[in-house]
Amino acid sequence: MKSEIVTTPERSRLMARVRQKETSAEIAVRKIIEKLGIEYESNVGDLPGSPDMVNRLNRWAIFVHGCFWHAHKGCKKWKIPSRNRKFWEKKFKLNRERDKRKLASLREKGYSVLIIWECELADFDKLEKRIKIFLKPPIEEYIFSKSNKSVLRTVHLGFGSKHSTRLLLKKIDIKDLDAQSAYDLAFLRKHTRPKHKELGNVVRCVDLYSGCGGLSLGAMEACRAIGKEFVSVAAVDNNPIAMQVYKKNIGCKNAIIRDINDLVDGDLGTDITENEKQLLENVLPVEILLAGPPCQGYSDLNNHTRRDDPRNALYKRITRFIEIAMPRHVLVENVPTVVYGKNGEVDEAIDVMEGLDYYVDAKVIDLSKIGVPQKRNRHVLIGSTSKNLSIKEIIKKHRVKKERTITWAIGDLEKAPPKNIYDTASRHSKDNMERITYLHENNLYDLPDNLRPFCHQDGKHSYKSMYGRMKSDQPAQTITGGFGSPGQGRYIHPNRCSTITPHEAARLQCFPDYFNFKNVKKRIELAEMIGNAVPYKLAYVICIHFLK
């Protein structure tokens, strides 16, 4: 019979013989992580507790615990030895307290932690599934309720956590809809703002060139989806009517109706100016910067100052704000041709951000791929000080099963009573009404050249969509501020002898019915505001990845 271990040196020698690294359990867990194609460091000594596996960029850590030495309660592999019981009770108590301290220290540093017990290796498939959920969760999941009267959206945040929201499917025929399409449609038709149960921290956002708030709406919805509180700490736009709409729908602690050149007035690489100091006092720290600078200077529809428009310099004001405010995440949206700006504004922004140690990516994307019911190509620039994100991968993860059509978005509004300018189509000249009627009576979608204005009648034009009728089973063309005029694009309603109403245009721009435009009294102001907006879906899918 072996004698009891009673001296401190004897105990120390015993503990030293216990294998601390490269255990069979560690090796098995590593194989699962490597199979998932995820990079990691092993046995990281400069972090609390020396985690067995760590990814510093994504800030997660994994410990593989032996059930005996870490006192796994309820496990058959852990039992207090009968000999020298007081010693072991004290030892296990100290081990548990130490484990608790190191977990708390890691979490204070922003790490998510997974504990894997040695006994879990007995069910390898179950363990692999648990690790997959922790490391590579699906971003979103949409499920119909059994009665099909509601749909549940669950956003898996990673590291085992998730947050769910439910929408009722009132008067929505789900026969040909998948669960995600049904959820998005229910969101668009809501007349009251969805309830927001905050579970996490405040997300402080700044929106430059905010307009009426399309990007901020997307960031707000992303926060709601993951249980965080959205706060617009500043919004800047020189359009007072748009800012009224922004404040009413988004809310803002610091709504600024001024030219951004008056606020962010320093040159790149120079000291912060007095105006900039005053601005920063009210906004720092910034979690997310949103910006949709005026795109007309880059647009192919601009035949006068294309590529060399004074408005293009506004892109540089965004770069300067990034330089002086150092927001954690950045999202900038513009037309695809922004990359051809004469002064290289986009390349300059990327160079500055990379010099400030941002992870940067830029790409042109078709918003119809993520559920916007229109063919709207946009250049997107993102940057993050903490995450190396790929726009291509984000779009891939959020790609809808089927493109949303005009009927999907506005089918229920076809016979909406014209009680105000929001639900009333524009009045048209006699010639244009004849063109609209001709298309419907002859079941055509493109107007023959001989019925177009004289400048189009020779057929030598590329404006086929002008005076065109929309196709109900397809996404709309890009919605602009000219949607009320048949001569501005394919904006004639597919089933009604009129162009689309502002309400229908807002739906196609992904504004839900609870978004309030009542303060806007003039049709031209309403049309420009809706047409210049950014569909919330873009900011939603990007911000989910910024914040999860």
Protein backbone atom coordinates (compact mmCIF):
# COMPACT_ATOMS: atom_id res chain seq x y z
CA MET A 1 0.00 0.00 0.00
CA LYS A 2 1.34 3.41 -0.95
CA SER A 3 1.86 5.90 1.84
CA GLU A 4 -0.02 9.18 1.98
CA ILE A 5 1.60 12.23 0.40
CA VAL A 6 1.97 14.58 3.34
CA THR A 7 4.91 16.87 2.56
CA THR A 8 4.81 19.90 0.29
CA PRO A 9 7.86 18.79 -1.79
CA GLU A 10 6.26 15.40 -2.44
CA ARG A 11 3.02 17.01 -3.57
CA SER A 12 4.92 19.39 -5.87
CA ARG A 13 6.79 16.52 -7.49
CA LEU A 14 3.49 14.71 -8.10
CA MET A 15 1.89 17.81 -9.70
CA ALA A 16 4.94 18.35 -11.87
CA ARG A 17 4.55 14.89 -13.38
CA VAL A 18 0.96 15.69 -14.49
CA ARG A 19 1.03 16.46 -18.22
CA GLN A 20 -0.06 20.09 -18.75
CA LYS A 21 0.33 20.42 -22.54
CA GLU A 22 -0.31 18.35 -25.66
CA THR A 23 -2.86 16.16 -23.91
CA SER A 24 -4.96 13.83 -26.04
CA ALA A 25 -8.01 16.02 -25.34
CA GLU A 26 -6.20 19.15 -26.57
CA ILE A 27 -5.03 17.40 -29.72
CA ALA A 28 -8.58 16.20 -30.46
CA VAL A 29 -10.00 19.73 -30.06
CA ARG A 30 -7.28 21.19 -32.28
CA LYS A 31 -8.16 18.75 -35.05
CA ILE A 32 -11.79 19.95 -34.96
CA ILE A 33 -10.73 23.61 -35.16
CA GLU A 34 -8.29 22.92 -37.99
CA LYS A 35 -11.00 21.02 -39.84
CA LEU A 36 -13.11 24.20 -39.72
CA GLY A 37 -10.22 26.12 -41.30
CA ILE A 38 -9.92 28.54 -38.40
CA GLU A 39 -6.55 29.94 -37.36
CA TYR A 40 -5.45 29.90 -33.72
CA GLU A 41 -2.48 30.03 -31.38
CA SER A 42 -1.87 27.30 -28.82
CA ASN A 43 -0.78 27.53 -25.17
CA VAL A 44 -0.75 31.32 -25.07
CA GLY A 45 1.23 32.28 -21.99
CA ASP A 46 0.74 36.04 -22.10
CA LEU A 47 -3.03 35.87 -21.52
CA PRO A 48 -4.69 35.11 -18.17
CA GLY A 49 -4.74 31.38 -17.49
CA SER A 50 -2.62 30.55 -20.58
CA PRO A 51 -5.54 29.38 -22.77
CA ASP A 52 -4.98 26.21 -24.76
CA MET A 53 -6.22 27.84 -28.00
CA VAL A 54 -6.66 31.53 -28.83
CA ASN A 55 -7.61 33.75 -31.76
CA ARG A 56 -6.58 37.28 -30.86
CA LEU A 57 -8.26 38.97 -33.84
CA ASN A 58 -11.71 37.53 -33.12
CA ARG A 59 -10.98 37.52 -29.38
CA TRP A 60 -11.91 34.01 -28.37
CA ALA A 61 -10.14 31.51 -26.12
CA ILE A 62 -10.63 27.80 -25.43
CA PHE A 63 -9.56 25.84 -22.37
CA VAL A 64 -9.45 22.04 -22.42
CA HIS A 65 -9.85 20.99 -18.80
CA GLY A 66 -9.06 17.65 -17.25
CA CYS A 67 -12.13 16.66 -15.26
CA PHE A 68 -10.16 15.56 -12.17
CA TRP A 69 -7.74 18.46 -11.72
CA HIS A 70 -10.36 21.12 -12.48
CA ALA A 71 -13.01 19.45 -10.31
CA HIS A 72 -15.77 18.90 -12.89
CA LYS A 73 -18.88 18.68 -10.76
CA GLY A 74 -21.21 15.79 -11.57
CA CYS A 75 -18.56 14.02 -13.65
CA LYS A 76 -17.58 10.41 -12.96
CA LYS A 77 -13.96 11.32 -13.64
CA TRP A 78 -13.89 13.63 -10.63
CA LYS A 79 -14.02 12.30 -7.11
CA ILE A 80 -12.32 13.58 -3.98
CA PRO A 81 -9.75 10.95 -2.91
CA SER A 82 -10.50 9.38 0.45
CA ARG A 83 -6.90 9.71 1.58
CA ASN A 84 -5.75 13.10 2.74
CA ARG A 85 -9.23 14.43 2.04
CA LYS A 86 -8.67 17.88 3.58
CA PHE A 87 -5.73 18.50 1.30
CA TRP A 88 -7.71 17.60 -1.82
CA GLU A 89 -10.76 19.63 -0.78
CA LYS A 90 -8.55 22.66 -0.36
CA LYS A 91 -6.72 21.93 -3.61
CA PHE A 92 -9.92 21.65 -5.65
CA LYS A 93 -11.36 24.80 -4.05
CA LEU A 94 -8.22 26.75 -4.99
CA ASN A 95 -8.31 25.34 -8.54
CA ARG A 96 -11.91 26.45 -9.00
CA GLU A 97 -11.21 29.92 -7.65
CA ARG A 98 -8.19 30.23 -9.95
CA ASP A 99 -10.24 29.13 -12.97
CA LYS A 100 -12.92 31.66 -12.07
CA ARG A 101 -10.39 34.47 -11.81
CA LYS A 102 -8.73 33.73 -15.15
CA LEU A 103 -12.11 33.57 -16.93
CA ALA A 104 -13.10 36.92 -15.46
CA SER A 105 -9.75 38.46 -16.49
CA LEU A 106 -10.12 37.19 -20.07
CA ARG A 107 -13.67 38.48 -20.35
CA GLU A 108 -12.59 41.88 -19.06
CA LYS A 109 -10.16 41.93 -22.00
CA GLY A 110 -13.06 41.30 -24.37
CA TYR A 111 -12.49 37.57 -24.94
CA SER A 112 -15.27 35.01 -25.25
CA VAL A 113 -14.31 31.77 -23.56
CA LEU A 114 -15.28 28.14 -24.13
CA ILE A 115 -14.50 25.45 -21.55
CA ILE A 116 -14.22 21.91 -22.92
CA TRP A 117 -14.13 19.06 -20.45
CA GLU A 118 -12.14 15.88 -20.95
CA CYS A 119 -15.29 13.77 -20.53
CA GLU A 120 -16.91 15.44 -23.57
CA LEU A 121 -14.57 13.48 -25.83
CA ALA A 122 -16.75 10.43 -25.20
CA ASP A 123 -19.31 11.89 -27.66
CA PHE A 124 -17.08 13.31 -30.38
CA ASP A 125 -19.92 14.30 -32.74
CA LYS A 126 -21.65 16.28 -30.00
CA LEU A 127 -18.37 17.97 -29.07
CA GLU A 128 -17.68 18.90 -32.70
CA LYS A 129 -21.14 20.45 -33.00
CA ARG A 130 -20.59 22.47 -29.81
CA ILE A 131 -17.26 23.81 -31.08
CA LYS A 132 -18.81 24.69 -34.44
CA ILE A 133 -21.56 26.68 -32.72
CA PHE A 134 -18.94 28.54 -30.70
CA LEU A 135 -16.54 29.27 -33.56
CA LYS A 136 -18.57 29.37 -36.77
CA PRO A 137 -22.22 30.07 -36.03
CA PRO A 138 -24.78 30.81 -38.74
CA ILE A 139 -25.45 34.54 -38.79
CA GLU A 140 -29.22 34.41 -39.13
CA GLU A 141 -31.94 31.82 -38.97
CA TYR A 142 -35.60 32.37 -39.90
CA ILE A 143 -38.31 29.90 -38.85
CA PHE A 144 -42.09 29.94 -39.33
CA SER A 145 -44.13 29.21 -36.24
CA LYS A 146 -46.19 26.02 -36.36
CA SER A 147 -49.37 28.01 -36.99
CA ASN A 148 -47.61 30.15 -39.65
CA LYS A 149 -48.95 33.27 -37.97
CA SER A 150 -45.50 34.57 -37.13
CA VAL A 151 -41.87 34.13 -38.07
CA LEU A 152 -38.90 34.04 -35.70
CA ARG A 153 -35.54 35.56 -36.57
CA THR A 154 -32.60 34.27 -34.54
CA VAL A 155 -29.20 35.88 -34.90
CA HIS A 156 -26.41 33.63 -33.67
CA LEU A 157 -23.85 35.99 -32.23
CA GLY A 158 -21.04 33.48 -31.90
CA PHE A 159 -19.51 31.90 -28.84
CA GLY A 160 -22.76 30.14 -27.97
CA SER A 161 -24.98 33.24 -27.61
CA LYS A 162 -27.99 34.24 -29.71
CA HIS A 163 -30.85 36.74 -29.80
CA SER A 164 -34.33 36.24 -31.27
CA THR A 165 -37.12 38.55 -32.44
CA ARG A 166 -40.58 37.63 -33.70
CA LEU A 167 -42.91 39.37 -36.17
CA LEU A 168 -46.57 38.56 -36.75
CA LEU A 169 -47.59 37.82 -40.33
CA LYS A 170 -50.74 39.91 -40.57
CA LYS A 171 -52.52 39.70 -43.95
CA ILE A 172 -49.43 38.16 -45.57
CA ASP A 173 -49.88 35.19 -47.88
CA ILE A 174 -46.85 32.98 -47.20
CA LYS A 175 -47.70 30.41 -49.87
CA ASP A 176 -44.71 31.21 -52.08
CA LEU A 177 -42.48 32.85 -49.46
CA ASP A 178 -39.56 31.47 -47.52
CA ALA A 179 -39.37 32.43 -43.85
CA GLN A 180 -36.83 35.23 -44.38
CA SER A 181 -38.88 36.84 -47.17
CA ALA A 182 -41.95 36.65 -44.97
CA TYR A 183 -40.10 38.29 -42.06
CA ASP A 184 -38.72 41.11 -44.21
CA LEU A 185 -42.15 41.74 -45.75
CA ALA A 186 -43.78 41.81 -42.31
CA PHE A 187 -41.14 44.36 -41.26
CA LEU A 188 -41.87 46.57 -44.30
CA ARG A 189 -45.60 46.51 -43.58
CA LYS A 190 -45.35 47.33 -39.88
CA HIS A 191 -47.12 50.53 -38.88
CA THR A 192 -45.49 50.68 -35.44
CA ARG A 193 -41.81 50.42 -34.57
CA PRO A 194 -40.83 46.87 -33.50
CA LYS A 195 -40.18 46.42 -29.80
CA HIS A 196 -36.52 46.59 -28.88
CA LYS A 197 -35.34 44.60 -25.88
CA GLU A 198 -31.75 45.68 -25.25
CA LEU A 199 -29.53 43.01 -23.77
CA GLY A 200 -26.10 44.48 -24.39
CA ASN A 201 -24.08 47.66 -24.57
CA VAL A 202 -24.86 50.99 -26.21
CA VAL A 203 -23.64 51.33 -29.81
CA ARG A 204 -22.69 54.95 -30.54
CA CYS A 205 -23.08 55.93 -34.19
CA VAL A 206 -22.30 59.00 -36.29
CA ASP A 207 -24.07 59.46 -39.65
CA LEU A 208 -22.46 61.93 -42.08
CA TYR A 209 -24.59 63.07 -45.03
CA SER A 210 -27.39 61.33 -43.15
CA GLY A 211 -30.31 62.34 -45.37
CA CYS A 212 -33.50 61.02 -43.80
CA GLY A 213 -31.67 58.10 -42.20
CA GLY A 214 -31.55 54.96 -44.36
CA LEU A 215 -28.11 53.88 -43.15
CA SER A 216 -28.94 54.68 -39.53
CA LEU A 217 -32.17 52.68 -39.82
CA GLY A 218 -30.08 49.68 -40.91
CA ALA A 219 -27.65 50.10 -38.02
CA MET A 220 -30.58 50.49 -35.62
CA GLU A 221 -32.20 47.29 -36.92
CA ALA A 222 -28.86 45.44 -36.62
CA CYS A 223 -28.65 46.53 -32.99
CA ARG A 224 -32.22 45.34 -32.39
CA ALA A 225 -31.41 42.01 -34.02
CA ILE A 226 -28.56 41.31 -31.61
CA GLY A 227 -29.99 42.94 -28.50
CA LYS A 228 -27.90 46.12 -28.31
CA GLU A 229 -28.98 49.71 -27.87
CA PHE A 230 -28.49 52.02 -30.87
CA VAL A 231 -27.71 55.68 -30.18
CA SER A 232 -27.14 58.28 -32.89
CA VAL A 233 -24.69 60.63 -31.17
CA ALA A 234 -24.48 62.88 -34.24
CA ALA A 235 -26.07 63.22 -37.66
CA VAL A 236 -24.90 65.82 -40.18
CA ASP A 237 -26.81 67.01 -43.24
CA ASN A 238 -27.41 70.44 -44.78
CA ASN A 239 -31.03 69.59 -45.69
CA PRO A 240 -33.30 70.79 -42.84
CA ILE A 241 -36.35 68.84 -44.07
CA ALA A 242 -34.39 65.59 -44.24
CA MET A 243 -32.99 66.23 -40.78
CA GLN A 244 -36.50 66.69 -39.38
CA VAL A 245 -37.44 63.27 -40.76
CA TYR A 246 -34.19 61.79 -39.37
CA LYS A 247 -34.83 63.13 -35.86
CA LYS A 248 -38.45 61.95 -35.87
CA ASN A 249 -37.61 58.40 -36.94
CA ILE A 250 -34.08 57.75 -35.70
CA GLY A 251 -33.69 60.21 -32.86
CA CYS A 252 -30.40 62.00 -32.39
CA LYS A 253 -28.51 63.60 -29.54
CA ASN A 254 -26.73 66.03 -31.85
CA ALA A 255 -28.56 66.73 -35.13
CA ILE A 256 -26.46 69.21 -37.10
CA ILE A 257 -27.96 71.07 -40.08
CA ARG A 258 -24.77 72.48 -41.59
CA ASP A 259 -22.33 71.99 -44.42
CA ILE A 260 -19.82 69.40 -43.31
CA ASN A 261 -16.99 71.60 -44.60
CA ASP A 262 -17.76 73.96 -41.71
CA LEU A 263 -17.40 71.17 -39.15
CA VAL A 264 -14.59 68.99 -40.50
CA ASP A 265 -12.35 71.66 -41.96
CA GLY A 266 -8.80 70.43 -41.45
CA ASP A 267 -6.54 69.02 -44.14
CA LEU A 268 -5.47 65.40 -43.96
CA GLY A 269 -2.40 64.93 -41.80
CA THR A 270 -2.73 68.27 -39.97
CA ASP A 271 -3.57 69.09 -36.36
CA ILE A 272 -7.20 69.09 -35.26
CA THR A 273 -8.87 72.46 -35.83
CA GLU A 274 -11.03 74.30 -33.30
CA ASN A 275 -14.19 73.43 -35.23
CA GLU A 276 -13.20 69.78 -35.27
CA LYS A 277 -12.45 69.81 -31.53
CA GLN A 278 -15.91 71.20 -30.87
CA LEU A 279 -17.52 68.48 -32.98
CA LEU A 280 -15.53 65.67 -31.35
CA GLU A 281 -16.41 66.85 -27.83
CA ASN A 282 -20.00 65.86 -28.50
CA VAL A 283 -19.50 62.53 -30.28
CA LEU A 284 -16.52 60.56 -28.97
CA PRO A 285 -16.16 57.65 -28.68
CA VAL A 286 -17.66 56.46 -31.99
CA GLU A 287 -18.44 52.78 -32.48
CA ILE A 288 -19.76 53.04 -36.06
CA LEU A 289 -19.35 55.77 -38.67
CA LEU A 290 -21.97 55.72 -41.42
CA ALA A 291 -21.62 57.90 -44.50
CA GLY A 292 -23.42 58.21 -47.83
CA PRO A 293 -21.92 61.32 -49.47
CA PRO A 294 -23.82 62.88 -52.41
CA CYS A 295 -23.38 60.61 -55.40
CA GLN A 296 -24.49 62.97 -58.20
CA GLY A 297 -20.93 64.12 -58.88
CA TYR A 298 -19.91 60.56 -59.76
CA SER A 299 -23.11 59.41 -61.43
CA ASP A 300 -23.20 58.43 -65.11
CA LEU A 301 -26.49 60.38 -65.27
CA ASN A 302 -24.53 63.57 -64.65
CA ASN A 303 -23.47 64.75 -68.08
CA HIS A 304 -22.02 68.08 -66.97
CA THR A 305 -19.43 67.65 -64.18
CA ARG A 306 -19.08 63.87 -64.06
CA ARG A 307 -15.95 62.68 -62.16
CA ASP A 308 -14.81 66.30 -61.54
CA ASP A 309 -17.70 67.69 -59.52
CA PRO A 310 -17.04 69.91 -56.45
CA ARG A 311 -19.30 67.56 -54.47
CA ASN A 312 -16.74 64.78 -54.93
CA ALA A 313 -14.46 66.55 -52.43
CA LEU A 314 -17.03 65.70 -49.76
CA TYR A 315 -15.67 62.14 -49.76
CA LYS A 316 -12.43 63.57 -48.38
CA ARG A 317 -14.32 65.04 -45.40
CA ILE A 318 -15.23 61.46 -44.43
CA THR A 319 -11.57 60.47 -44.57
CA ARG A 320 -10.64 63.43 -42.41
CA PHE A 321 -13.32 62.53 -39.84
CA ILE A 322 -11.93 59.00 -39.68
CA GLU A 323 -8.46 60.41 -39.11
CA ILE A 324 -9.48 62.64 -36.19
CA ALA A 325 -12.24 60.52 -34.57
CA MET A 326 -10.91 56.98 -35.15
CA PRO A 327 -14.32 55.24 -35.16
CA ARG A 328 -14.05 51.54 -34.47
CA HIS A 329 -16.00 50.61 -37.63
CA VAL A 330 -16.66 52.50 -40.88
CA LEU A 331 -19.26 52.05 -43.64
CA VAL A 332 -19.27 54.36 -46.67
CA GLU A 333 -21.72 53.95 -49.57
CA ASN A 334 -21.70 55.52 -53.03
CA VAL A 335 -22.35 54.81 -56.71
CA PRO A 336 -20.03 52.31 -58.46
CA THR A 337 -18.37 55.05 -60.52
CA VAL A 338 -17.00 56.71 -57.38
CA VAL A 339 -13.75 54.83 -58.05
CA TYR A 340 -13.23 56.94 -61.19
CA GLY A 341 -13.23 60.27 -59.36
CA LYS A 342 -10.62 62.57 -60.91
CA ASN A 343 -8.81 63.12 -57.60
CA GLY A 344 -8.80 59.48 -56.45
CA GLU A 345 -10.91 60.09 -53.36
CA VAL A 346 -11.55 56.39 -52.68
CA ASP A 347 -7.92 55.32 -53.07
CA GLU A 348 -6.89 58.17 -50.78
CA ALA A 349 -9.40 57.04 -48.13
CA ILE A 350 -8.11 53.47 -48.27
CA ASP A 351 -4.48 54.61 -47.97
CA VAL A 352 -5.26 56.81 -44.96
CA MET A 353 -7.29 54.11 -43.21
CA GLU A 354 -4.66 51.43 -43.75
CA GLY A 355 -2.07 53.87 -42.40
CA LEU A 356 -4.22 54.13 -39.26
CA ASP A 357 -4.21 50.30 -38.93
CA TYR A 358 -7.75 49.72 -40.16
CA TYR A 359 -8.65 46.48 -41.86
CA VAL A 360 -10.18 47.76 -45.12
CA ASP A 361 -12.24 46.24 -47.91
CA ALA A 362 -14.10 47.81 -50.84
CA LYS A 363 -16.41 46.29 -53.43
CA VAL A 364 -19.32 47.01 -55.77
CA ILE A 365 -22.38 44.98 -54.80
CA ASP A 366 -25.88 44.47 -56.18
CA LEU A 367 -28.27 45.15 -53.30
CA SER A 368 -30.90 42.85 -54.80
CA LYS A 369 -28.70 39.95 -53.66
CA ILE A 370 -29.38 40.82 -50.01
CA GLY A 371 -33.11 41.31 -50.38
CA VAL A 372 -33.57 44.87 -51.68
CA PRO A 373 -36.39 44.72 -54.28
CA GLN A 374 -34.48 46.72 -56.90
CA LYS A 375 -31.37 46.36 -59.01
CA ARG A 376 -29.20 48.85 -57.17
CA ASN A 377 -25.44 48.54 -57.60
CA ARG A 378 -23.44 50.38 -54.96
CA HIS A 379 -19.78 50.84 -54.08
CA VAL A 380 -19.20 49.92 -50.46
CA LEU A 381 -16.11 50.75 -48.40
CA ILE A 382 -15.77 49.23 -44.93
CA GLY A 383 -13.06 49.52 -42.32
CA SER A 384 -12.56 48.16 -38.83
CA THR A 385 -9.87 48.50 -36.20
CA SER A 386 -10.78 45.10 -34.72
CA LYS A 387 -12.12 42.84 -37.49
CA ASN A 388 -10.77 41.79 -40.86
CA LEU A 389 -14.05 41.49 -42.77
CA SER A 390 -14.71 40.56 -46.39
CA ILE A 391 -17.63 42.27 -48.14
CA LYS A 392 -17.84 39.33 -50.52
CA GLU A 393 -18.20 36.88 -47.63
CA ILE A 394 -20.75 39.07 -45.86
CA ILE A 395 -22.92 39.26 -48.97
CA LYS A 396 -22.53 35.51 -49.47
CA LYS A 397 -23.78 34.82 -45.93
CA HIS A 398 -26.79 37.13 -46.32
CA ARG A 399 -27.69 36.31 -49.91
CA VAL A 400 -31.43 35.71 -50.23
CA LYS A 401 -32.77 32.53 -51.76
CA LYS A 402 -34.81 34.44 -54.33
CA GLU A 403 -34.72 38.06 -55.50
CA ARG A 404 -37.59 40.14 -54.15
CA THR A 405 -39.96 41.43 -56.83
CA ILE A 406 -42.00 44.58 -57.24
CA THR A 407 -45.16 42.65 -56.38
CA TRP A 408 -43.51 41.32 -53.19
CA ALA A 409 -42.74 44.87 -52.07
CA ILE A 410 -45.76 46.90 -53.17
CA GLY A 411 -48.48 44.47 -54.26
CA ASP A 412 -50.70 45.40 -51.32
CA LEU A 413 -50.48 49.13 -52.15
CA GLU A 414 -51.88 48.91 -55.67
CA LYS A 415 -55.33 50.13 -54.64
CA ALA A 416 -54.31 52.27 -51.67
CA PRO A 417 -56.58 55.35 -51.47
CA PRO A 418 -54.83 58.61 -52.49
CA LYS A 419 -55.43 60.34 -49.15
CA ASN A 420 -52.20 62.37 -49.17
CA ILE A 421 -49.12 63.02 -51.35
CA TYR A 422 -47.43 59.94 -49.88
CA ASP A 423 -50.04 57.65 -51.46
CA THR A 424 -50.76 59.72 -54.56
CA ALA A 425 -48.93 59.38 -57.87
CA SER A 426 -47.66 62.45 -59.73
CA ARG A 427 -49.88 64.20 -62.26
CA HIS A 428 -48.63 63.90 -65.83
CA SER A 429 -48.86 65.89 -69.03
CA LYS A 430 -51.31 64.83 -71.73
CA ASP A 431 -48.45 63.36 -73.82
CA ASN A 432 -47.10 61.32 -70.93
CA MET A 433 -50.54 60.01 -69.96
CA GLU A 434 -51.00 58.88 -73.56
CA ARG A 435 -47.65 57.05 -73.39
CA ILE A 436 -48.55 55.39 -70.09
CA THR A 437 -51.97 54.33 -71.38
CA TYR A 438 -50.46 52.99 -74.62
CA LEU A 439 -48.12 50.66 -72.71
CA HIS A 440 -50.94 49.23 -70.61
CA GLU A 441 -53.44 48.88 -73.44
CA ASN A 442 -50.89 47.05 -75.59
CA ASN A 443 -49.32 45.09 -72.72
CA LEU A 444 -45.89 46.55 -73.49
CA TYR A 445 -43.02 47.40 -71.18
CA ASP A 446 -40.83 49.51 -73.51
CA LEU A 447 -42.23 52.50 -75.34
CA PRO A 448 -41.69 52.45 -79.14
CA ASP A 449 -39.31 55.17 -80.34
CA ASN A 450 -41.96 56.84 -82.50
CA LEU A 451 -43.97 57.64 -79.35
CA ARG A 452 -41.03 59.08 -77.43
CA PRO A 453 -39.96 62.74 -77.45
CA PHE A 454 -38.39 63.91 -80.73
CA CYS A 455 -34.81 63.58 -79.39
CA HIS A 456 -35.39 59.81 -78.93
CA GLN A 457 -37.27 59.06 -82.13
CA ASP A 458 -34.23 58.33 -84.26
CA GLY A 459 -33.55 55.28 -82.08
CA LYS A 460 -29.98 56.43 -81.40
CA HIS A 461 -30.26 56.44 -77.63
CA SER A 462 -29.42 54.12 -74.75
CA TYR A 463 -32.36 55.14 -72.58
CA LYS A 464 -34.52 52.08 -73.15
CA SER A 465 -35.89 52.17 -69.61
CA MET A 466 -37.08 55.75 -69.95
CA TYR A 467 -40.87 55.82 -70.31
CA GLY A 468 -40.79 52.15 -69.40
CA ARG A 469 -43.32 50.11 -67.48
CA MET A 470 -42.16 48.09 -64.48
CA LYS A 471 -42.32 44.30 -64.52
CA SER A 472 -44.20 42.98 -61.51
CA ASP A 473 -42.27 39.70 -61.30
CA GLN A 474 -38.83 41.34 -61.27
CA PRO A 475 -36.97 43.75 -58.98
CA ALA A 476 -37.34 47.43 -59.83
CA GLN A 477 -34.58 49.39 -61.50
CA THR A 478 -32.60 51.76 -59.25
CA ILE A 479 -35.02 54.13 -57.51
CA THR A 480 -33.95 57.77 -57.86
CA GLY A 481 -35.57 61.09 -56.98
CA GLY A 482 -37.12 61.04 -60.46
CA PHE A 483 -39.45 58.09 -59.79
CA GLY A 484 -42.49 60.35 -60.24
CA SER A 485 -41.66 61.06 -63.89
CA PRO A 486 -41.95 58.45 -66.68
CA GLY A 487 -39.14 60.25 -68.51
CA GLN A 488 -36.68 59.62 -65.67
CA GLY A 489 -36.67 55.83 -65.84
CA ARG A 490 -38.77 52.67 -65.68
CA TYR A 491 -41.21 54.00 -63.10
CA ILE A 492 -44.64 53.34 -64.65
CA HIS A 493 -46.64 51.06 -62.35
CA PRO A 494 -46.98 47.50 -63.72
CA ASN A 495 -50.78 47.35 -63.23
CA ARG A 496 -51.94 50.93 -62.89
CA CYS A 497 -51.90 53.84 -65.36
CA SER A 498 -49.57 56.02 -63.33
CA THR A 499 -46.04 56.17 -62.06
CA ILE A 500 -45.37 54.72 -58.62
CA THR A 501 -46.35 56.70 -55.54
CA PRO A 502 -43.85 57.97 -52.93
CA HIS A 503 -45.12 55.22 -50.60
CA GLU A 504 -44.35 52.56 -53.21
CA ALA A 505 -40.94 54.08 -53.89
CA ALA A 506 -40.23 54.08 -50.14
CA ARG A 507 -41.13 50.38 -49.92
CA LEU A 508 -38.79 49.62 -52.83
CA GLN A 509 -36.13 51.56 -50.91
CA CYS A 510 -36.90 49.30 -47.90
CA PHE A 511 -38.47 51.97 -45.71
CA PRO A 512 -41.03 50.27 -43.43
CA ASP A 513 -44.52 51.75 -43.14
CA TYR A 514 -43.81 53.02 -39.62
CA PHE A 515 -41.10 55.32 -41.01
CA ASN A 516 -42.77 58.72 -40.83
CA PHE A 517 -42.49 61.19 -43.74
CA LYS A 518 -45.46 63.35 -42.63
CA ASN A 519 -43.35 66.46 -42.05
CA VAL A 520 -42.56 66.62 -45.77
CA LYS A 521 -45.16 68.77 -47.52
CA LYS A 522 -43.70 69.18 -51.01
CA ARG A 523 -43.68 66.32 -53.50
CA ILE A 524 -40.28 67.19 -54.98
CA GLU A 525 -38.67 67.23 -51.52
CA LEU A 526 -40.26 63.89 -50.65
CA ALA A 527 -39.15 62.30 -53.93
CA GLU A 528 -35.54 63.48 -53.59
CA MET A 529 -35.36 62.35 -49.98
CA ILE A 530 -36.61 58.84 -50.77
CA GLY A 531 -34.59 58.49 -53.98
CA ASN A 532 -31.33 59.66 -52.37
CA ALA A 533 -31.66 57.30 -49.41
CA VAL A 534 -29.72 54.08 -48.86
CA PRO A 535 -31.85 50.93 -48.34
CA TYR A 536 -31.48 49.91 -44.70
CA LYS A 537 -30.58 46.34 -45.67
CA LEU A 538 -27.05 47.38 -46.64
CA ALA A 539 -26.18 48.83 -43.24
CA TYR A 540 -28.03 45.99 -41.53
CA VAL A 541 -25.93 43.15 -42.97
CA ILE A 542 -22.63 45.03 -42.56
CA CYS A 543 -23.32 46.21 -38.99
CA ILE A 544 -24.35 42.72 -37.88
CA HIS A 545 -20.77 41.67 -38.62
CA PHE A 546 -19.28 44.80 -37.07
CA LEU A 547 -21.09 44.16 -33.80
CA LYS A 548 -21.62 40.43 -33.30
